[in-house]
């Protein structure tokens, strides 16, 4: 089950781009909370506090209890907007959740173990899908989903159909590839070298008859 992290928030009177800019100038992070038919409410967060939340492992699958001026609200993070260059947090969207309401969220996938194809066959493990969409009640929301790759050999893959999430419905396409073990890159390099050698040898076969013709002409 997902951990619950706590965060203080204050109501923000000034909304829109101007209000958000003013909030950032005060060293705080502008945010908004919505959900359950409630009118979106503008909030402000202490930037250091939100940074600590992220360092504690908060993701879109983490339940965050917002303390809005003394009123606790259970939420999840819907979106984090970052500065395109500096990468600091510019804005956060929170979605209010209720215990009996199912959520549709994307949960991170975590590869566990060392693949057989990597351990004994020199292959390389490549991951294509890093999170999956699930429908789940808040009390069963996982922080992540473990994917055991221990038995995965070279040229074999794991798909969404190979995993399960307790007490949740997976909404991702079952045929979607999560990861695969590709053949050793050394073999690819050796094949390229053989092809290159074969190509470079062809001109020699063409030159020999010419040299023979020239010798015959000199006689």
N, C-alpha and C. Protein backbone atom coordinates (compact mmCIF):
# COMPACT_ATOMS: atom_id res chain seq x y z
N UNK A 1 0.84 -1.20 0.00
CA UNK A 1 0.00 0.00 0.00
C UNK A 1 0.87 1.24 0.00
N UNK A 2 0.35 2.31 -0.64
CA UNK A 2 1.09 3.56 -0.72
C UNK A 2 1.26 4.18 0.66
N UNK A 3 2.41 4.80 0.89
CA UNK A 3 2.62 5.53 2.14
C UNK A 3 1.83 6.84 2.08
N UNK A 4 1.51 7.38 3.26
CA UNK A 4 0.83 8.66 3.32
C UNK A 4 1.80 9.70 3.86
N UNK A 5 2.03 10.75 3.08
CA UNK A 5 2.93 11.83 3.48
C UNK A 5 2.10 13.06 3.81
N UNK A 6 2.59 13.89 4.71
CA UNK A 6 1.83 15.07 5.14
C UNK A 6 2.54 16.35 4.69
N UNK A 7 1.70 17.36 4.39
CA UNK A 7 2.24 18.62 3.87
C UNK A 7 1.32 19.76 4.28
N UNK A 8 1.91 20.85 4.76
CA UNK A 8 1.16 22.04 5.12
C UNK A 8 0.88 22.88 3.89
N UNK A 9 -0.31 23.47 3.83
CA UNK A 9 -0.68 24.34 2.72
C UNK A 9 -1.53 25.49 3.25
N UNK A 10 -1.43 26.63 2.59
CA UNK A 10 -2.26 27.78 2.95
C UNK A 10 -3.08 28.19 1.73
N UNK A 11 -4.25 28.77 1.98
CA UNK A 11 -5.09 29.23 0.89
C UNK A 11 -4.47 30.47 0.25
N UNK A 12 -4.63 30.54 -1.06
CA UNK A 12 -4.05 31.65 -1.82
C UNK A 12 -5.18 32.48 -2.41
N UNK A 13 -5.24 33.75 -2.05
CA UNK A 13 -6.32 34.62 -2.52
C UNK A 13 -6.11 34.99 -3.98
N UNK A 14 -4.90 35.43 -4.31
CA UNK A 14 -4.61 35.85 -5.69
C UNK A 14 -4.39 34.62 -6.56
N UNK A 15 -5.20 34.47 -7.60
CA UNK A 15 -5.07 33.33 -8.50
C UNK A 15 -4.56 33.80 -9.87
N UNK A 16 -4.53 32.88 -10.85
CA UNK A 16 -4.04 33.24 -12.18
C UNK A 16 -2.53 33.34 -12.22
N UNK A 17 -2.02 33.73 -13.39
CA UNK A 17 -0.56 33.81 -13.58
C UNK A 17 0.07 34.84 -12.66
N UNK A 18 -0.63 35.98 -12.47
CA UNK A 18 -0.07 37.01 -11.61
C UNK A 18 0.05 36.56 -10.17
N UNK A 19 -0.99 35.88 -9.69
CA UNK A 19 -0.96 35.38 -8.32
C UNK A 19 0.11 34.31 -8.13
N UNK A 20 0.26 33.44 -9.13
CA UNK A 20 1.28 32.39 -9.05
C UNK A 20 2.68 33.00 -9.05
N UNK A 21 2.87 34.01 -9.87
CA UNK A 21 4.18 34.67 -9.92
C UNK A 21 4.50 35.33 -8.58
N UNK A 22 3.53 35.97 -8.00
CA UNK A 22 3.72 36.61 -6.70
C UNK A 22 4.05 35.58 -5.62
N UNK A 23 3.39 34.44 -5.67
CA UNK A 23 3.65 33.36 -4.70
C UNK A 23 5.08 32.87 -4.82
N UNK A 24 5.55 32.69 -6.06
CA UNK A 24 6.93 32.21 -6.25
C UNK A 24 7.95 33.23 -5.77
N UNK A 25 7.65 34.52 -5.94
CA UNK A 25 8.56 35.57 -5.47
C UNK A 25 8.68 35.54 -3.95
N UNK A 26 7.67 35.01 -3.29
CA UNK A 26 7.69 34.89 -1.82
C UNK A 26 8.38 33.61 -1.36
N UNK A 27 8.94 32.84 -2.33
CA UNK A 27 9.64 31.61 -1.98
C UNK A 27 8.73 30.43 -1.74
N UNK A 28 7.49 30.54 -2.21
CA UNK A 28 6.53 29.45 -2.05
C UNK A 28 6.14 28.88 -3.41
N UNK A 29 5.51 27.72 -3.40
CA UNK A 29 5.11 27.04 -4.63
C UNK A 29 3.59 27.18 -4.80
N UNK A 30 3.12 27.75 -5.89
CA UNK A 30 1.67 27.82 -6.12
C UNK A 30 1.12 26.43 -6.44
N UNK A 31 -0.07 26.17 -5.94
CA UNK A 31 -0.69 24.86 -6.16
C UNK A 31 -2.20 25.04 -6.28
N UNK A 32 -2.87 23.97 -6.68
CA UNK A 32 -4.32 23.97 -6.77
C UNK A 32 -4.82 22.60 -6.35
N UNK A 33 -5.99 22.56 -5.71
CA UNK A 33 -6.61 21.30 -5.35
C UNK A 33 -8.01 21.25 -5.94
N UNK A 34 -8.37 20.10 -6.50
CA UNK A 34 -9.70 19.95 -7.10
C UNK A 34 -10.13 18.50 -6.95
N UNK A 35 -11.36 18.21 -7.40
CA UNK A 35 -11.89 16.85 -7.30
C UNK A 35 -13.18 16.81 -6.52
N UNK A 36 -14.00 15.76 -6.78
CA UNK A 36 -15.27 15.57 -6.08
C UNK A 36 -16.23 16.73 -6.30
N UNK A 37 -16.14 17.35 -7.45
CA UNK A 37 -17.07 18.42 -7.78
C UNK A 37 -16.79 19.73 -7.07
N UNK A 38 -15.72 19.78 -6.27
CA UNK A 38 -15.39 21.02 -5.56
C UNK A 38 -14.79 22.03 -6.52
N UNK A 39 -15.01 23.28 -6.24
CA UNK A 39 -14.42 24.33 -7.06
C UNK A 39 -12.90 24.32 -6.82
N UNK A 40 -12.09 24.40 -7.87
CA UNK A 40 -10.64 24.40 -7.68
C UNK A 40 -10.22 25.51 -6.70
N UNK A 41 -9.37 25.10 -5.76
CA UNK A 41 -8.94 26.05 -4.72
C UNK A 41 -7.44 26.28 -4.84
N UNK A 42 -7.07 27.56 -4.89
CA UNK A 42 -5.65 27.92 -5.02
C UNK A 42 -4.96 27.83 -3.68
N UNK A 43 -3.77 27.22 -3.68
CA UNK A 43 -3.01 27.04 -2.46
C UNK A 43 -1.57 27.51 -2.65
N UNK A 44 -0.86 27.59 -1.54
CA UNK A 44 0.57 27.90 -1.57
C UNK A 44 1.29 26.93 -0.64
N UNK A 45 2.44 26.44 -1.09
CA UNK A 45 3.23 25.48 -0.32
C UNK A 45 4.60 26.07 -0.03
N UNK A 46 5.18 25.72 1.09
CA UNK A 46 6.56 26.10 1.36
C UNK A 46 7.46 25.27 0.46
N UNK A 47 8.28 25.94 -0.35
CA UNK A 47 9.13 25.22 -1.31
C UNK A 47 10.01 24.17 -0.65
N UNK A 48 10.69 24.46 0.47
CA UNK A 48 11.53 23.44 1.11
C UNK A 48 10.72 22.22 1.56
N UNK A 49 9.48 22.47 2.04
CA UNK A 49 8.65 21.35 2.50
C UNK A 49 8.27 20.44 1.33
N UNK A 50 7.95 21.03 0.18
CA UNK A 50 7.57 20.20 -0.96
C UNK A 50 8.79 19.45 -1.51
N UNK A 51 9.96 20.08 -1.47
CA UNK A 51 11.18 19.39 -1.89
C UNK A 51 11.44 18.17 -1.00
N UNK A 52 11.21 18.31 0.30
CA UNK A 52 11.38 17.18 1.22
C UNK A 52 10.40 16.07 0.89
N UNK A 53 9.18 16.46 0.49
CA UNK A 53 8.16 15.48 0.12
C UNK A 53 8.63 14.65 -1.07
N UNK A 54 9.21 15.31 -2.06
CA UNK A 54 9.70 14.61 -3.24
C UNK A 54 10.89 13.72 -2.90
N UNK A 55 11.77 14.20 -2.03
CA UNK A 55 12.92 13.41 -1.63
C UNK A 55 12.50 12.19 -0.81
N UNK A 56 11.33 12.28 -0.17
CA UNK A 56 10.81 11.16 0.61
C UNK A 56 10.20 10.09 -0.28
N UNK A 57 10.17 10.36 -1.59
CA UNK A 57 9.68 9.35 -2.53
C UNK A 57 8.28 9.58 -3.05
N UNK A 58 7.75 10.78 -2.90
CA UNK A 58 6.39 11.06 -3.36
C UNK A 58 6.30 10.97 -4.88
N UNK A 59 5.29 10.26 -5.36
CA UNK A 59 5.02 10.15 -6.79
C UNK A 59 3.52 10.40 -7.00
N UNK A 60 3.06 10.18 -8.22
CA UNK A 60 1.63 10.34 -8.48
C UNK A 60 0.81 9.22 -7.83
N UNK A 61 1.50 8.22 -7.31
CA UNK A 61 0.81 7.11 -6.64
C UNK A 61 0.94 7.20 -5.13
N UNK A 62 1.33 8.38 -4.63
CA UNK A 62 1.50 8.57 -3.20
C UNK A 62 0.35 9.39 -2.64
N UNK A 63 -0.22 8.91 -1.54
CA UNK A 63 -1.28 9.68 -0.88
C UNK A 63 -0.62 10.79 -0.06
N UNK A 64 -1.05 12.02 -0.33
CA UNK A 64 -0.52 13.18 0.38
C UNK A 64 -1.65 13.81 1.19
N UNK A 65 -1.47 13.88 2.50
CA UNK A 65 -2.46 14.53 3.35
C UNK A 65 -2.10 16.01 3.47
N UNK A 66 -2.90 16.84 2.79
CA UNK A 66 -2.68 18.28 2.87
C UNK A 66 -3.36 18.84 4.11
N UNK A 67 -2.62 19.58 4.88
CA UNK A 67 -3.19 20.29 6.02
C UNK A 67 -3.45 21.72 5.55
N UNK A 68 -4.70 21.97 5.11
CA UNK A 68 -5.05 23.28 4.58
C UNK A 68 -5.58 24.15 5.72
N UNK A 69 -4.66 24.85 6.35
CA UNK A 69 -4.99 25.74 7.46
C UNK A 69 -5.81 25.02 8.53
N UNK A 70 -5.36 23.82 8.87
CA UNK A 70 -5.99 23.06 9.94
C UNK A 70 -7.00 22.02 9.49
N UNK A 71 -7.35 22.03 8.20
CA UNK A 71 -8.30 21.05 7.67
C UNK A 71 -7.55 19.99 6.86
N UNK A 72 -7.56 18.72 7.31
CA UNK A 72 -6.84 17.67 6.56
C UNK A 72 -7.63 17.24 5.32
N UNK A 73 -6.92 17.11 4.21
CA UNK A 73 -7.54 16.67 2.96
C UNK A 73 -6.65 15.60 2.34
N UNK A 74 -7.21 14.44 2.06
CA UNK A 74 -6.46 13.35 1.42
C UNK A 74 -6.39 13.62 -0.09
N UNK A 75 -5.19 13.59 -0.62
CA UNK A 75 -5.00 13.91 -2.04
C UNK A 75 -3.95 13.00 -2.67
N UNK A 76 -3.86 13.07 -3.97
CA UNK A 76 -2.72 12.53 -4.71
C UNK A 76 -2.23 13.63 -5.63
N UNK A 77 -0.98 13.55 -6.05
CA UNK A 77 -0.41 14.55 -6.95
C UNK A 77 -0.82 14.20 -8.38
N UNK A 78 -1.48 15.13 -9.05
CA UNK A 78 -1.88 14.90 -10.44
C UNK A 78 -0.81 15.38 -11.41
N UNK A 79 -0.19 16.50 -11.10
CA UNK A 79 0.80 17.04 -12.04
C UNK A 79 1.78 17.96 -11.31
N UNK A 80 3.04 17.89 -11.73
CA UNK A 80 4.08 18.79 -11.23
C UNK A 80 4.68 19.51 -12.43
N UNK A 81 4.60 20.82 -12.43
CA UNK A 81 5.19 21.61 -13.51
C UNK A 81 6.53 22.15 -13.05
N UNK A 82 7.55 21.95 -13.89
CA UNK A 82 8.90 22.41 -13.55
C UNK A 82 9.39 23.45 -14.55
N UNK A 83 10.31 24.27 -14.11
CA UNK A 83 10.94 25.25 -14.99
C UNK A 83 11.71 24.50 -16.06
N UNK A 84 11.58 24.88 -17.35
CA UNK A 84 12.23 24.12 -18.43
C UNK A 84 13.75 24.09 -18.37
N UNK A 85 14.36 25.09 -17.71
CA UNK A 85 15.82 25.14 -17.64
C UNK A 85 16.32 24.85 -16.23
N UNK A 86 15.80 25.57 -15.27
CA UNK A 86 16.28 25.41 -13.89
C UNK A 86 15.72 24.17 -13.20
N UNK A 87 14.61 23.64 -13.72
CA UNK A 87 14.01 22.40 -13.24
C UNK A 87 13.37 22.48 -11.86
N UNK A 88 13.31 23.68 -11.26
CA UNK A 88 12.64 23.76 -9.97
C UNK A 88 11.12 23.72 -10.18
N UNK A 89 10.39 23.37 -9.12
CA UNK A 89 8.94 23.21 -9.21
C UNK A 89 8.26 24.57 -9.38
N UNK A 90 7.40 24.68 -10.40
CA UNK A 90 6.68 25.91 -10.69
C UNK A 90 5.23 25.87 -10.20
N UNK A 91 4.62 24.67 -10.23
CA UNK A 91 3.21 24.56 -9.87
C UNK A 91 2.88 23.09 -9.61
N UNK A 92 1.92 22.86 -8.70
CA UNK A 92 1.51 21.49 -8.37
C UNK A 92 -0.01 21.39 -8.38
N UNK A 93 -0.52 20.32 -9.00
CA UNK A 93 -1.95 20.01 -8.99
C UNK A 93 -2.20 18.84 -8.04
N UNK A 94 -3.12 19.03 -7.11
CA UNK A 94 -3.52 17.96 -6.20
C UNK A 94 -4.97 17.56 -6.50
N UNK A 95 -5.25 16.26 -6.38
CA UNK A 95 -6.61 15.76 -6.59
C UNK A 95 -7.12 15.16 -5.29
N UNK A 96 -8.24 15.66 -4.79
CA UNK A 96 -8.80 15.15 -3.54
C UNK A 96 -9.35 13.74 -3.74
N UNK A 97 -9.10 12.86 -2.80
CA UNK A 97 -9.59 11.49 -2.88
C UNK A 97 -10.42 11.15 -1.65
N UNK A 98 -11.33 10.19 -1.82
CA UNK A 98 -12.13 9.67 -0.70
C UNK A 98 -11.91 8.18 -0.60
N UNK A 99 -12.02 7.66 0.61
CA UNK A 99 -11.70 6.25 0.88
C UNK A 99 -12.47 5.28 0.01
N UNK A 100 -13.74 5.55 -0.27
CA UNK A 100 -14.55 4.59 -1.02
C UNK A 100 -14.58 4.83 -2.52
N UNK A 101 -13.80 5.76 -3.00
CA UNK A 101 -13.80 6.10 -4.43
C UNK A 101 -12.58 5.48 -5.13
N UNK A 102 -12.82 4.75 -6.21
CA UNK A 102 -11.69 4.18 -6.96
C UNK A 102 -10.96 5.28 -7.71
N UNK A 103 -9.66 5.10 -7.84
CA UNK A 103 -8.80 6.06 -8.53
C UNK A 103 -8.25 5.45 -9.80
N UNK A 104 -8.04 6.26 -10.79
CA UNK A 104 -7.32 5.84 -11.99
C UNK A 104 -5.99 6.58 -11.97
N UNK A 105 -4.92 5.84 -11.73
CA UNK A 105 -3.59 6.45 -11.57
C UNK A 105 -2.54 5.63 -12.31
N UNK A 106 -1.41 6.28 -12.56
CA UNK A 106 -0.26 5.59 -13.13
C UNK A 106 0.73 5.31 -12.00
N UNK A 107 1.14 4.05 -11.90
CA UNK A 107 2.02 3.60 -10.82
C UNK A 107 3.37 3.17 -11.40
N UNK A 108 4.48 3.60 -10.80
CA UNK A 108 5.80 3.22 -11.31
C UNK A 108 6.05 1.72 -11.28
N UNK A 109 6.77 1.23 -12.28
CA UNK A 109 7.21 -0.17 -12.33
C UNK A 109 8.66 -0.23 -11.86
N UNK A 110 8.97 -1.22 -11.01
CA UNK A 110 10.33 -1.38 -10.52
C UNK A 110 10.83 -2.78 -10.86
N UNK A 111 11.88 -2.85 -11.67
CA UNK A 111 12.45 -4.14 -12.05
C UNK A 111 13.25 -4.71 -10.89
N UNK A 112 12.99 -5.98 -10.58
CA UNK A 112 13.62 -6.62 -9.42
C UNK A 112 14.41 -7.83 -9.88
N UNK A 113 15.63 -7.98 -9.34
CA UNK A 113 16.46 -9.15 -9.67
C UNK A 113 17.38 -8.87 -10.84
N UNK A 114 18.25 -9.83 -11.10
CA UNK A 114 19.16 -9.77 -12.25
C UNK A 114 18.74 -10.83 -13.26
N UNK A 115 18.45 -10.41 -14.47
CA UNK A 115 17.95 -11.33 -15.49
C UNK A 115 18.97 -12.41 -15.82
N UNK A 116 18.47 -13.62 -16.08
CA UNK A 116 19.32 -14.74 -16.48
C UNK A 116 20.13 -14.38 -17.72
N UNK A 117 19.51 -13.70 -18.65
CA UNK A 117 20.19 -13.32 -19.89
C UNK A 117 21.30 -12.32 -19.68
N UNK A 118 21.23 -11.57 -18.60
CA UNK A 118 22.29 -10.61 -18.27
C UNK A 118 23.36 -11.30 -17.45
N UNK A 119 22.93 -12.10 -16.49
CA UNK A 119 23.85 -12.74 -15.54
C UNK A 119 24.74 -13.78 -16.20
N UNK A 120 24.17 -14.62 -17.08
CA UNK A 120 24.93 -15.74 -17.63
C UNK A 120 25.09 -15.73 -19.15
N UNK A 121 24.40 -14.82 -19.83
CA UNK A 121 24.46 -14.84 -21.29
C UNK A 121 24.99 -13.55 -21.90
N UNK A 122 25.37 -12.61 -21.04
CA UNK A 122 25.99 -11.38 -21.53
C UNK A 122 25.03 -10.40 -22.19
N UNK A 123 23.73 -10.60 -22.02
CA UNK A 123 22.75 -9.72 -22.64
C UNK A 123 22.60 -8.40 -21.88
N UNK A 124 21.77 -7.53 -22.44
CA UNK A 124 21.52 -6.22 -21.85
C UNK A 124 20.02 -6.07 -21.62
N UNK A 125 19.63 -5.72 -20.40
CA UNK A 125 18.22 -5.55 -20.08
C UNK A 125 17.77 -4.14 -20.45
N UNK A 126 16.72 -4.05 -21.26
CA UNK A 126 16.17 -2.76 -21.67
C UNK A 126 14.73 -2.64 -21.20
N UNK A 127 14.40 -1.52 -20.56
CA UNK A 127 13.05 -1.29 -20.05
C UNK A 127 12.33 -0.30 -20.95
N UNK A 128 11.13 -0.67 -21.41
CA UNK A 128 10.36 0.17 -22.31
C UNK A 128 9.18 0.85 -21.63
N UNK A 129 8.62 0.21 -20.61
CA UNK A 129 7.46 0.75 -19.90
C UNK A 129 7.87 1.00 -18.45
N UNK A 130 7.70 2.22 -17.99
CA UNK A 130 8.16 2.59 -16.65
C UNK A 130 7.04 2.81 -15.65
N UNK A 131 5.80 2.85 -16.11
CA UNK A 131 4.66 2.92 -15.20
C UNK A 131 3.42 2.36 -15.91
N UNK A 132 2.44 1.95 -15.13
CA UNK A 132 1.21 1.40 -15.71
C UNK A 132 -0.01 2.10 -15.10
N UNK A 133 -1.07 2.11 -15.87
CA UNK A 133 -2.31 2.72 -15.40
C UNK A 133 -3.17 1.65 -14.73
N UNK A 134 -3.65 1.96 -13.51
CA UNK A 134 -4.49 1.02 -12.78
C UNK A 134 -5.71 1.74 -12.20
N UNK A 135 -6.72 0.95 -11.85
CA UNK A 135 -7.87 1.46 -11.13
C UNK A 135 -7.89 0.79 -9.77
N UNK A 136 -7.94 1.58 -8.70
CA UNK A 136 -7.74 1.02 -7.37
C UNK A 136 -8.36 1.93 -6.31
N UNK A 137 -8.74 1.34 -5.19
CA UNK A 137 -9.19 2.13 -4.05
C UNK A 137 -7.98 2.73 -3.34
N UNK A 138 -8.12 3.91 -2.75
CA UNK A 138 -6.98 4.56 -2.10
C UNK A 138 -6.26 3.68 -1.08
N UNK A 139 -7.00 2.87 -0.33
CA UNK A 139 -6.36 2.04 0.71
C UNK A 139 -5.50 0.93 0.11
N UNK A 140 -5.68 0.62 -1.17
CA UNK A 140 -4.88 -0.42 -1.81
C UNK A 140 -3.85 0.16 -2.79
N UNK A 141 -3.76 1.47 -2.85
CA UNK A 141 -2.87 2.11 -3.82
C UNK A 141 -1.41 1.80 -3.50
N UNK A 142 -0.67 1.14 -4.41
CA UNK A 142 0.74 0.81 -4.15
C UNK A 142 1.66 1.96 -4.55
N UNK A 143 2.79 2.06 -3.86
CA UNK A 143 3.80 3.06 -4.25
C UNK A 143 4.40 2.73 -5.60
N UNK A 144 4.53 1.43 -5.87
CA UNK A 144 5.12 0.95 -7.11
C UNK A 144 4.70 -0.51 -7.31
N UNK A 145 5.01 -1.05 -8.47
CA UNK A 145 4.74 -2.46 -8.76
C UNK A 145 6.06 -3.13 -9.11
N UNK A 146 6.40 -4.19 -8.37
CA UNK A 146 7.64 -4.93 -8.63
C UNK A 146 7.45 -5.90 -9.81
N UNK A 147 8.46 -5.93 -10.67
CA UNK A 147 8.47 -6.84 -11.81
C UNK A 147 9.72 -7.70 -11.71
N UNK A 148 9.54 -9.00 -11.44
CA UNK A 148 10.67 -9.92 -11.27
C UNK A 148 11.22 -10.33 -12.64
N UNK A 149 12.49 -9.97 -12.90
CA UNK A 149 13.11 -10.28 -14.20
C UNK A 149 14.12 -11.40 -14.09
N UNK A 150 14.20 -12.07 -12.95
CA UNK A 150 15.24 -13.07 -12.69
C UNK A 150 15.34 -14.15 -13.76
N UNK A 151 14.22 -14.67 -14.25
CA UNK A 151 14.22 -15.79 -15.19
C UNK A 151 14.23 -15.35 -16.66
N UNK A 152 14.40 -14.07 -16.91
CA UNK A 152 14.33 -13.55 -18.28
C UNK A 152 15.63 -13.83 -19.05
N UNK A 153 15.53 -14.58 -20.15
CA UNK A 153 16.70 -14.93 -20.96
C UNK A 153 16.86 -13.97 -22.14
N UNK A 154 17.97 -14.12 -22.85
CA UNK A 154 18.24 -13.30 -24.03
C UNK A 154 17.14 -13.51 -25.07
N UNK A 155 16.70 -12.40 -25.66
CA UNK A 155 15.67 -12.39 -26.71
C UNK A 155 14.27 -12.67 -26.17
N UNK A 156 14.11 -12.66 -24.85
CA UNK A 156 12.80 -12.85 -24.25
C UNK A 156 12.34 -11.55 -23.58
N UNK A 157 11.01 -11.40 -23.47
CA UNK A 157 10.44 -10.16 -22.94
C UNK A 157 9.39 -10.46 -21.88
N UNK A 158 9.10 -9.45 -21.08
CA UNK A 158 7.98 -9.49 -20.15
C UNK A 158 6.95 -8.46 -20.62
N UNK A 159 5.68 -8.84 -20.54
CA UNK A 159 4.61 -7.95 -20.98
C UNK A 159 3.68 -7.64 -19.81
N UNK A 160 2.80 -6.70 -20.02
CA UNK A 160 1.84 -6.33 -18.97
C UNK A 160 1.03 -7.54 -18.53
N UNK A 161 0.75 -8.44 -19.46
CA UNK A 161 -0.02 -9.65 -19.13
C UNK A 161 0.71 -10.57 -18.15
N UNK A 162 2.03 -10.36 -17.97
CA UNK A 162 2.81 -11.22 -17.08
C UNK A 162 2.81 -10.75 -15.63
N UNK A 163 2.21 -9.60 -15.35
CA UNK A 163 2.23 -9.08 -13.99
C UNK A 163 0.81 -8.93 -13.45
N UNK A 164 0.71 -8.75 -12.15
CA UNK A 164 -0.59 -8.50 -11.51
C UNK A 164 -0.39 -7.49 -10.40
N UNK A 165 -1.45 -6.77 -10.09
CA UNK A 165 -1.43 -5.79 -8.99
C UNK A 165 -2.55 -6.15 -8.03
N UNK A 166 -2.24 -6.58 -6.82
CA UNK A 166 -3.27 -6.99 -5.85
C UNK A 166 -4.33 -5.91 -5.63
N UNK A 167 -5.59 -6.33 -5.63
CA UNK A 167 -6.72 -5.44 -5.34
C UNK A 167 -6.85 -4.28 -6.31
N UNK A 168 -6.34 -4.46 -7.52
CA UNK A 168 -6.42 -3.39 -8.52
C UNK A 168 -6.67 -3.98 -9.90
N UNK A 169 -7.23 -3.17 -10.77
CA UNK A 169 -7.44 -3.57 -12.15
C UNK A 169 -6.43 -2.85 -13.04
N UNK A 170 -5.70 -3.61 -13.82
CA UNK A 170 -4.72 -3.02 -14.73
C UNK A 170 -5.44 -2.56 -16.00
N UNK A 171 -5.26 -1.30 -16.36
CA UNK A 171 -5.93 -0.74 -17.52
C UNK A 171 -5.03 -0.68 -18.75
N UNK A 172 -3.76 -1.00 -18.56
CA UNK A 172 -2.79 -0.97 -19.67
C UNK A 172 -3.05 -2.12 -20.63
N UNK A 173 -2.70 -1.92 -21.91
CA UNK A 173 -2.82 -2.98 -22.91
C UNK A 173 -1.98 -4.18 -22.48
N UNK A 174 -2.59 -5.35 -22.43
CA UNK A 174 -1.90 -6.56 -21.95
C UNK A 174 -0.69 -6.94 -22.78
N UNK A 175 -0.68 -6.56 -24.07
CA UNK A 175 0.43 -6.94 -24.96
C UNK A 175 1.60 -5.97 -24.90
N UNK A 176 1.48 -4.90 -24.14
CA UNK A 176 2.55 -3.90 -24.06
C UNK A 176 3.80 -4.51 -23.42
N UNK A 177 4.95 -4.31 -24.05
CA UNK A 177 6.21 -4.84 -23.54
C UNK A 177 6.74 -3.98 -22.41
N UNK A 178 7.09 -4.63 -21.31
CA UNK A 178 7.68 -3.91 -20.19
C UNK A 178 9.19 -3.84 -20.34
N UNK A 179 9.81 -4.98 -20.61
CA UNK A 179 11.26 -5.03 -20.75
C UNK A 179 11.66 -6.25 -21.56
N UNK A 180 12.88 -6.24 -22.04
CA UNK A 180 13.41 -7.37 -22.80
C UNK A 180 14.91 -7.44 -22.62
N UNK A 181 15.48 -8.62 -22.82
CA UNK A 181 16.93 -8.78 -22.77
C UNK A 181 17.43 -8.92 -24.20
N UNK A 182 18.22 -7.96 -24.63
CA UNK A 182 18.74 -7.97 -26.00
C UNK A 182 20.08 -8.70 -26.03
N UNK A 183 20.45 -9.28 -27.20
CA UNK A 183 21.71 -10.02 -27.31
C UNK A 183 22.91 -9.14 -26.98
N UNK A 184 24.02 -9.77 -26.62
CA UNK A 184 25.24 -9.00 -26.30
C UNK A 184 25.64 -8.10 -27.46
N UNK A 185 26.02 -6.89 -27.16
CA UNK A 185 26.42 -5.95 -28.21
C UNK A 185 27.70 -6.38 -28.90
N UNK A 186 28.52 -7.21 -28.23
CA UNK A 186 29.77 -7.70 -28.83
C UNK A 186 29.46 -8.47 -30.10
N UNK A 187 28.40 -9.29 -30.07
CA UNK A 187 28.04 -10.08 -31.24
C UNK A 187 27.66 -9.18 -32.40
N UNK A 188 26.98 -8.09 -32.10
CA UNK A 188 26.61 -7.15 -33.15
C UNK A 188 27.85 -6.52 -33.76
N UNK A 189 28.81 -6.13 -32.90
CA UNK A 189 30.04 -5.52 -33.38
C UNK A 189 30.84 -6.51 -34.24
N UNK A 190 30.89 -7.78 -33.80
CA UNK A 190 31.62 -8.78 -34.57
C UNK A 190 30.98 -8.99 -35.93
N UNK A 191 29.66 -9.02 -35.99
CA UNK A 191 28.95 -9.18 -37.26
C UNK A 191 29.26 -8.01 -38.19
N UNK A 192 29.28 -6.79 -37.64
CA UNK A 192 29.58 -5.61 -38.44
C UNK A 192 31.00 -5.68 -38.99
N UNK A 193 31.93 -6.20 -38.17
CA UNK A 193 33.32 -6.30 -38.60
C UNK A 193 33.46 -7.30 -39.74
N UNK A 194 32.73 -8.42 -39.66
CA UNK A 194 32.77 -9.43 -40.72
C UNK A 194 32.24 -8.86 -42.03
N UNK A 195 31.14 -8.14 -41.94
CA UNK A 195 30.55 -7.53 -43.15
C UNK A 195 31.51 -6.53 -43.75
N UNK A 196 32.14 -5.72 -42.91
CA UNK A 196 33.07 -4.71 -43.40
C UNK A 196 34.27 -5.36 -44.07
N UNK A 197 34.75 -6.45 -43.49
CA UNK A 197 35.91 -7.17 -44.06
C UNK A 197 35.55 -7.76 -45.42
N UNK A 198 34.32 -8.32 -45.51
CA UNK A 198 33.88 -8.91 -46.77
C UNK A 198 33.76 -7.86 -47.85
N UNK A 199 33.25 -6.67 -47.48
CA UNK A 199 33.09 -5.59 -48.46
C UNK A 199 34.43 -5.07 -48.94
N UNK A 200 35.39 -4.97 -48.00
CA UNK A 200 36.71 -4.46 -48.38
C UNK A 200 37.47 -5.46 -49.23
N UNK A 201 37.12 -6.73 -49.19
CA UNK A 201 37.81 -7.77 -49.96
C UNK A 201 37.35 -7.79 -51.41
N UNK A 202 36.17 -7.30 -51.71
CA UNK A 202 35.63 -7.36 -53.07
C UNK A 202 36.48 -6.64 -54.11
N UNK A 203 36.96 -5.43 -53.84
CA UNK A 203 37.77 -4.74 -54.86
C UNK A 203 39.00 -5.51 -55.27
N UNK A 204 39.58 -6.29 -54.34
CA UNK A 204 40.76 -7.06 -54.68
C UNK A 204 40.45 -8.09 -55.76
N UNK A 205 39.27 -8.70 -55.71
CA UNK A 205 38.88 -9.69 -56.70
C UNK A 205 38.68 -9.04 -58.07
N UNK A 206 38.32 -7.76 -58.06
CA UNK A 206 38.08 -7.05 -59.32
C UNK A 206 39.40 -6.61 -59.95
N UNK A 207 40.39 -6.24 -59.11
CA UNK A 207 41.65 -5.72 -59.63
C UNK A 207 42.52 -6.79 -60.27
N UNK A 208 42.45 -8.00 -59.76
CA UNK A 208 43.36 -9.04 -60.26
C UNK A 208 43.21 -9.29 -61.76
N UNK A 209 42.00 -9.43 -62.28
CA UNK A 209 41.88 -9.65 -63.73
C UNK A 209 42.45 -8.48 -64.53
N UNK A 210 42.31 -7.23 -64.03
CA UNK A 210 42.85 -6.08 -64.74
C UNK A 210 44.36 -6.15 -64.84
N UNK A 211 44.98 -6.52 -63.71
CA UNK A 211 46.44 -6.63 -63.72
C UNK A 211 46.88 -7.69 -64.71
N UNK A 212 46.14 -8.77 -64.77
CA UNK A 212 46.47 -9.84 -65.72
C UNK A 212 46.32 -9.35 -67.13
N UNK A 213 45.31 -8.55 -67.43
CA UNK A 213 45.10 -8.01 -68.79
C UNK A 213 46.23 -7.07 -69.16
N UNK A 214 46.69 -6.23 -68.21
CA UNK A 214 47.75 -5.29 -68.51
C UNK A 214 49.05 -6.02 -68.85
N UNK A 215 49.34 -7.11 -68.08
CA UNK A 215 50.55 -7.88 -68.34
C UNK A 215 50.49 -8.51 -69.73
N UNK A 216 49.28 -8.96 -70.09
CA UNK A 216 49.12 -9.58 -71.40
C UNK A 216 49.32 -8.54 -72.50
N UNK A 217 48.92 -7.29 -72.24
CA UNK A 217 49.08 -6.24 -73.24
C UNK A 217 50.54 -5.87 -73.42
N UNK A 218 51.30 -5.90 -72.35
CA UNK A 218 52.72 -5.55 -72.44
C UNK A 218 53.49 -6.56 -73.27
N UNK A 219 53.07 -7.83 -73.20
CA UNK A 219 53.76 -8.84 -74.00
C UNK A 219 53.49 -8.61 -75.47
